Amino acid sequence: MTQLEEKLLLARLADLEKGAERGKKPCFSRFLDPAEIAVFEKQMRPRTPYMLWGGYADSERKMVGFFPDFLEPDEAEFPISALRLTAAEDLGHRTVLGSLMGLGIERNLVGDVAMEEGGTVVFVCSSIADYLQMNLTKAGRTRLRIESVPCDEVHLLPKQFMPIGGTVSSLRLDCVLGLLTGVSRSGADELIKKEMVSLNHSVCTRGSVTVAEGDVISVRRFGRAEVSEILGETKKGRIRMTLKKYI
């Protein structure tokens, strides 16, 4: 995010917080992506009670809800609807999201697209749930059956990862990128210079940054991975580590 985008985001969230204080009722943002959530958590210090929620415990995209002092933050108050999509064939994340965008839906009105056994669940702002039930009839060329389900009755499959193990000369970001993507050190530097690499959901412009267990590395057009384990040095002084690439 640019500094201007960060300022605009924080201003919108500050207005929502003031609305909760003055109106004595909860106020909610639209869905924030991980980068926006990181900005909120690092730079904003809410005075009122608040909660981040995306419809289920491990959601990636979440709303921020601000609550007046006399109300306890409650996930049940969030204006989030879960829509279950079923079709004759498996629906990919990109196919479903493309169909939603094809209806003119703004991205921040849509939360996670997650998988259930035998179907796909989309978490959306409740304000567009009825519209989608009437108009989202296809994903690509595949016909859909769509129904609204309570968020607490959704049974999502665990997120899937592909382990990537190997050794690196250093825990510098540019070295770890080589293990993750297979590019050379100069290729990693080029990705970083082009601002195609994010560390913990913020664009990183320095290859010398040290990564640690639990860090999340995203590379545009390649995907995202978590630093799972750092296992110590080999006899030749290289560092053994394992990454978990989201699939």
Protein backbone atom coordinates (compact mmCIF):
# COMPACT_ATOMS: atom_id res chain seq x y z
CA MET A 1 0.00 0.00 0.00
CA THR A 2 1.14 3.55 -0.68
CA GLN A 3 1.32 6.08 2.15
CA LEU A 4 -1.72 7.85 0.71
CA GLU A 5 -3.72 4.61 0.65
CA GLU A 6 -2.74 3.95 4.26
CA LYS A 7 -3.82 7.44 5.34
CA LEU A 8 -7.17 7.10 3.56
CA LEU A 9 -7.76 3.68 5.14
CA LEU A 10 -6.95 4.94 8.64
CA ALA A 11 -9.18 7.98 8.13
CA ARG A 12 -12.12 5.75 7.10
CA LEU A 13 -11.61 3.51 10.11
CA ALA A 14 -11.31 6.50 12.44
CA ASP A 15 -14.66 7.78 11.11
CA LEU A 16 -16.25 4.41 11.86
CA GLU A 17 -14.88 4.46 15.39
CA LYS A 18 -16.31 7.96 15.93
CA GLY A 19 -19.63 6.71 14.54
CA ALA A 20 -19.72 3.92 17.14
CA GLU A 21 -18.95 6.41 19.91
CA ARG A 22 -21.49 9.01 18.86
CA GLY A 23 -24.25 6.76 17.59
CA LYS A 24 -24.02 4.29 20.48
CA LYS A 25 -24.19 1.36 18.08
CA PRO A 26 -21.64 -0.92 16.38
CA CYS A 27 -20.05 0.28 13.14
CA PHE A 28 -18.34 -2.04 10.68
CA SER A 29 -15.84 -1.65 7.88
CA ARG A 30 -16.02 -3.60 4.66
CA PHE A 31 -13.66 -6.56 4.31
CA LEU A 32 -10.00 -5.66 4.74
CA ASP A 33 -7.24 -7.65 3.06
CA PRO A 34 -4.19 -8.82 5.08
CA ALA A 35 -2.14 -5.75 4.14
CA GLU A 36 -4.90 -3.41 5.33
CA ILE A 37 -5.30 -5.41 8.53
CA ALA A 38 -1.56 -5.08 9.15
CA VAL A 39 -1.79 -1.28 8.73
CA PHE A 40 -4.74 -1.14 11.14
CA GLU A 41 -3.00 -3.24 13.78
CA LYS A 42 0.31 -1.38 13.55
CA GLN A 43 -0.86 2.21 13.21
CA MET A 44 -4.29 2.61 14.77
CA ARG A 45 -4.93 2.66 18.51
CA PRO A 46 -8.72 2.44 18.89
CA ARG A 47 -10.25 4.01 21.98
CA THR A 48 -13.43 1.93 21.73
CA PRO A 49 -13.77 -1.86 21.97
CA TYR A 50 -13.25 -3.50 18.58
CA MET A 51 -13.06 -6.90 16.93
CA LEU A 52 -11.72 -8.34 13.68
CA TRP A 53 -13.92 -11.02 12.14
CA GLY A 54 -14.33 -12.57 8.71
CA GLY A 55 -17.06 -15.17 9.26
CA TYR A 56 -14.87 -17.96 10.65
CA ALA A 57 -11.88 -18.30 12.95
CA ASP A 58 -9.03 -18.55 10.41
CA SER A 59 -10.34 -16.08 7.85
CA GLU A 60 -7.80 -14.08 5.88
CA ARG A 61 -10.00 -11.12 4.94
CA LYS A 62 -11.84 -9.57 7.87
CA MET A 63 -14.08 -6.68 8.84
CA VAL A 64 -13.24 -4.36 11.73
CA GLY A 65 -16.15 -3.82 14.05
CA PHE A 66 -16.13 -0.89 16.51
CA PHE A 67 -18.46 -1.14 19.51
CA PRO A 68 -19.65 1.49 21.99
CA ASP A 69 -18.25 1.13 25.50
CA PHE A 70 -21.37 -0.52 26.91
CA LEU A 71 -21.36 -3.36 24.33
CA GLU A 72 -19.06 -6.37 24.30
CA PRO A 73 -17.68 -7.10 20.80
CA ASP A 74 -19.65 -9.99 19.35
CA GLU A 75 -19.03 -11.84 16.09
CA ALA A 76 -22.79 -12.42 15.74
CA GLU A 77 -23.28 -8.67 15.19
CA PHE A 78 -21.14 -8.55 12.06
CA PRO A 79 -23.05 -8.03 8.78
CA ILE A 80 -21.48 -11.09 7.16
CA SER A 81 -23.37 -13.75 5.21
CA ALA A 82 -22.10 -17.15 4.11
CA LEU A 83 -23.22 -18.38 0.68
CA ARG A 84 -22.74 -22.02 -0.22
CA LEU A 85 -22.12 -22.68 -3.92
CA THR A 86 -22.56 -26.16 -5.36
CA ALA A 87 -21.94 -27.23 -8.93
CA ALA A 88 -21.39 -30.30 -11.09
CA GLU A 89 -17.61 -29.78 -10.96
CA ASP A 90 -15.08 -28.36 -8.52
CA LEU A 91 -14.95 -24.58 -8.47
CA GLY A 92 -11.58 -22.89 -8.20
CA HIS A 93 -11.04 -19.78 -6.12
CA ARG A 94 -10.21 -17.67 -9.18
CA THR A 95 -13.25 -18.88 -11.11
CA VAL A 96 -15.63 -17.98 -8.29
CA LEU A 97 -13.98 -14.63 -7.64
CA GLY A 98 -13.98 -13.82 -11.35
CA SER A 99 -17.70 -14.51 -11.54
CA LEU A 100 -18.34 -12.21 -8.58
CA MET A 101 -16.27 -9.42 -10.10
CA GLY A 102 -18.12 -9.98 -13.40
CA LEU A 103 -21.31 -8.92 -11.64
CA GLY A 104 -19.70 -5.60 -10.77
CA ILE A 105 -19.17 -6.50 -7.12
CA GLU A 106 -16.45 -4.48 -5.40
CA ARG A 107 -13.69 -6.66 -3.96
CA ASN A 108 -14.05 -5.26 -0.45
CA LEU A 109 -17.65 -6.52 -0.30
CA VAL A 110 -16.37 -10.09 -0.55
CA GLY A 111 -14.40 -11.90 2.13
CA ASP A 112 -12.81 -15.31 1.81
CA VAL A 113 -13.67 -17.89 -0.80
CA ALA A 114 -13.24 -21.15 1.12
CA MET A 115 -13.80 -24.85 0.47
CA GLU A 116 -16.25 -27.25 2.06
CA GLU A 117 -16.58 -30.96 1.35
CA GLY A 118 -18.41 -30.96 -1.98
CA GLY A 119 -18.79 -27.21 -2.32
CA THR A 120 -17.48 -23.69 -2.02
CA VAL A 121 -18.43 -21.08 0.57
CA VAL A 122 -18.18 -17.34 -0.08
CA PHE A 123 -18.34 -14.87 2.80
CA VAL A 124 -19.88 -11.55 1.73
CA CYS A 125 -21.32 -8.36 3.16
CA SER A 126 -24.92 -9.10 4.08
CA SER A 127 -26.05 -6.11 2.01
CA ILE A 128 -25.29 -7.99 -1.23
CA ALA A 129 -26.31 -11.52 -0.21
CA ASP A 130 -29.81 -11.38 -1.72
CA TYR A 131 -28.49 -9.83 -4.94
CA LEU A 132 -25.96 -12.63 -5.32
CA GLN A 133 -28.53 -15.32 -4.65
CA MET A 134 -30.61 -13.96 -7.52
CA ASN A 135 -27.81 -13.17 -9.97
CA LEU A 136 -24.84 -15.46 -9.35
CA THR A 137 -26.03 -18.34 -11.52
CA LYS A 138 -22.74 -19.40 -13.12
CA ALA A 139 -19.04 -19.67 -12.33
CA GLY A 140 -17.28 -19.70 -15.67
CA ARG A 141 -19.50 -21.97 -17.76
CA THR A 142 -20.65 -24.04 -14.80
CA ARG A 143 -24.16 -23.58 -13.46
CA LEU A 144 -24.43 -22.93 -9.74
CA ARG A 145 -26.83 -23.68 -6.95
CA ILE A 146 -26.51 -21.05 -4.24
CA GLU A 147 -27.95 -20.95 -0.75
CA SER A 148 -27.44 -18.86 2.36
CA VAL A 149 -26.21 -20.73 5.44
CA PRO A 150 -25.47 -19.53 8.98
CA CYS A 151 -21.76 -18.86 9.41
CA ASP A 152 -21.58 -21.20 12.40
CA GLU A 153 -22.95 -24.09 10.32
CA VAL A 154 -20.17 -23.93 7.74
CA HIS A 155 -17.67 -26.79 7.92
CA LEU A 156 -14.59 -25.72 6.01
CA LEU A 157 -11.79 -27.98 4.92
CA PRO A 158 -8.37 -27.27 6.45
CA LYS A 159 -6.13 -25.03 4.37
CA GLN A 160 -3.74 -27.04 2.24
CA PHE A 161 0.00 -26.51 2.00
CA MET A 162 2.86 -27.91 -0.02
CA PRO A 163 6.07 -28.27 2.03
CA ILE A 164 9.25 -26.88 0.49
CA GLY A 165 12.42 -27.94 2.28
CA GLY A 166 16.03 -27.07 1.60
CA THR A 167 19.01 -25.04 2.70
CA VAL A 168 19.88 -21.36 2.33
CA SER A 169 23.13 -19.51 2.86
CA SER A 170 21.38 -16.91 5.04
CA LEU A 171 17.97 -16.01 6.44
CA ARG A 172 17.96 -12.87 4.32
CA LEU A 173 14.73 -12.45 2.39
CA ASP A 174 16.48 -12.59 -0.99
CA CYS A 175 18.09 -15.93 -0.09
CA VAL A 176 14.80 -17.43 1.14
CA LEU A 177 13.09 -16.27 -2.06
CA GLY A 178 15.52 -18.46 -3.97
CA LEU A 179 14.33 -21.52 -2.07
CA LEU A 180 10.68 -20.53 -2.44
CA THR A 181 10.63 -19.62 -6.14
CA GLY A 182 13.76 -21.20 -7.61
CA VAL A 183 15.06 -17.86 -8.91
CA SER A 184 18.67 -16.76 -8.60
CA ARG A 185 19.84 -14.16 -6.07
CA SER A 186 19.77 -11.51 -8.81
CA GLY A 187 16.31 -12.71 -9.84
CA ALA A 188 15.12 -12.35 -6.26
CA ASP A 189 16.56 -8.84 -6.09
CA GLU A 190 14.66 -7.98 -9.27
CA LEU A 191 11.38 -9.20 -7.80
CA ILE A 192 11.99 -7.07 -4.72
CA LYS A 193 12.91 -3.99 -6.75
CA LYS A 194 9.69 -4.33 -8.73
CA GLU A 195 7.76 -4.40 -5.42
CA MET A 196 6.40 -7.87 -6.19
CA VAL A 197 7.37 -9.26 -2.77
CA SER A 198 5.54 -8.78 0.53
CA LEU A 199 6.68 -9.84 3.98
CA ASN A 200 3.90 -10.27 6.53
CA HIS A 201 1.48 -8.60 4.11
CA SER A 202 3.51 -5.41 3.61
CA VAL A 203 5.54 -4.73 0.47
CA CYS A 204 9.23 -5.23 1.26
CA THR A 205 11.88 -3.35 -0.71
CA ARG A 206 15.00 -4.67 1.06
CA GLY A 207 16.40 -8.10 0.34
CA SER A 208 18.59 -7.89 3.43
CA VAL A 209 15.62 -8.20 5.82
CA THR A 210 15.90 -11.30 8.02
CA VAL A 211 12.96 -13.71 8.06
CA ALA A 212 11.82 -15.75 11.04
CA GLU A 213 9.53 -18.67 11.79
CA GLY A 214 5.89 -17.71 11.26
CA ASP A 215 6.67 -15.00 8.71
CA VAL A 216 4.49 -14.96 5.60
CA ILE A 217 6.14 -14.26 2.24
CA SER A 218 4.02 -13.36 -0.78
CA VAL A 219 5.33 -13.12 -4.35
CA ARG A 220 3.03 -11.67 -6.98
CA ARG A 221 2.04 -14.24 -9.61
CA PHE A 222 3.75 -16.97 -7.62
CA GLY A 223 1.78 -17.29 -4.42
CA ARG A 224 2.25 -17.20 -0.69
CA ALA A 225 4.21 -19.27 1.80
CA GLU A 226 4.83 -19.38 5.54
CA VAL A 227 8.23 -19.95 7.12
CA SER A 228 7.39 -23.16 8.95
CA GLU A 229 10.64 -24.27 10.56
CA ILE A 230 14.24 -23.10 10.83
CA LEU A 231 16.17 -26.24 11.64
CA GLY A 232 19.73 -25.11 12.28
CA GLU A 233 22.96 -25.29 10.33
CA THR A 234 24.44 -28.05 8.20
CA LYS A 235 28.10 -29.09 8.49
CA LYS A 236 28.84 -26.69 5.62
CA GLY A 237 27.28 -23.77 7.47
CA ARG A 238 24.07 -23.52 5.46
CA ILE A 239 20.71 -23.15 7.20
CA ARG A 240 18.09 -25.87 6.88
CA MET A 241 14.51 -24.65 6.72
CA THR A 242 11.01 -25.63 5.67
CA LEU A 243 8.42 -23.42 3.99
CA LYS A 244 4.69 -24.16 3.67
CA LYS A 245 3.36 -22.91 0.32
CA TYR A 246 -0.37 -22.28 0.19
CA ILE A 247 -2.12 -24.33 -2.51
